[in-house]
Protein backbone atom coordinates (compact mmCIF):
# COMPACT_ATOMS: atom_id res chain seq x y z
CA MET A 1 29.76 128.33 144.41
CA ASP A 2 29.37 125.75 146.71
CA VAL A 3 32.55 123.88 147.16
CA ASN A 4 30.88 120.59 148.38
CA VAL A 5 29.25 120.20 145.29
CA LEU A 6 32.36 120.72 143.54
CA ARG A 7 34.24 118.34 145.51
CA ARG A 8 31.66 115.73 145.34
CA ALA A 9 31.46 116.04 141.49
CA ALA A 10 35.20 115.97 141.19
CA ARG A 11 35.20 112.74 143.39
CA ASN A 12 32.59 111.23 141.30
CA ASP A 13 34.37 111.67 138.17
CA LEU A 14 37.55 110.41 139.36
CA ASP A 15 35.95 107.20 141.01
CA ASN A 16 34.10 106.67 137.59
CA GLY A 17 37.08 107.09 135.68
CA THR A 18 35.80 109.93 133.58
CA PHE A 19 39.37 111.38 134.06
CA THR A 20 42.42 110.83 136.06
CA LEU A 21 44.03 113.20 138.77
CA LEU A 22 46.85 113.91 136.32
CA ASP A 23 44.21 114.91 133.71
CA LEU A 24 42.44 117.13 136.15
CA SER A 25 45.91 118.52 137.49
CA LEU A 26 47.09 119.11 133.96
CA GLY A 27 43.83 120.83 132.91
CA PHE A 28 43.71 122.98 136.09
CA TRP A 29 47.35 124.33 135.48
CA ALA A 30 46.60 124.98 131.86
CA ASN A 31 43.76 127.10 133.04
CA GLY A 32 45.80 129.24 135.50
CA GLY A 33 45.52 127.20 138.56
CA HIS A 34 48.33 127.38 141.01
CA ALA A 35 47.53 124.46 143.71
CA GLU A 36 49.66 121.25 143.35
CA ALA A 37 48.10 118.09 142.72
CA LEU A 38 48.39 117.10 145.97
CA ASP A 39 46.76 119.88 147.26
CA LEU A 40 43.72 119.28 144.74
CA ASP A 41 43.66 115.47 145.80
CA ALA A 42 43.39 116.80 149.52
CA PHE A 43 40.95 119.43 148.37
CA ILE A 44 38.55 117.10 146.60
CA TYR A 45 38.65 114.71 149.65
CA CYS A 46 37.82 117.55 152.23
CA LEU A 47 41.25 117.71 153.76
CA LYS A 48 42.55 120.96 152.75
CA THR A 49 40.99 124.26 151.20
CA LEU A 50 42.02 126.14 148.15
CA SER A 51 42.18 129.84 147.46
CA GLY A 52 38.95 131.31 145.79
CA PRO A 53 40.75 131.78 142.30
CA ASP A 54 41.77 127.89 142.65
CA ILE A 55 38.25 126.69 143.33
CA LEU A 56 36.93 128.78 140.15
CA VAL A 57 39.68 127.37 137.78
CA LEU A 58 38.85 123.75 139.23
CA ALA A 59 35.26 124.38 138.50
CA TRP A 60 36.07 125.57 135.08
CA THR A 61 38.48 122.66 134.61
CA LEU A 62 35.79 120.07 135.59
CA GLU A 63 33.34 121.50 132.89
CA GLU A 64 36.20 121.30 130.15
CA LEU A 65 36.98 117.68 131.10
CA ARG A 66 33.32 116.50 131.32
CA ASN A 67 32.65 118.14 127.94
CA ALA A 68 36.07 116.80 126.34
């Protein structure tokens, strides 16, 4: 999985108002993610990395939010 594509997709959806950081965080945690909201925000804006499992959970969460 290309994390830059994931970051760009999340950034675009947040900027376009498709969902909020709170929506993303709640979905992420509900799907088993462990990073905190600030860590997610930092990852999306290329300031921090996430663990491999958290990246997969984030990708899954983005798909769920887009299809909701």
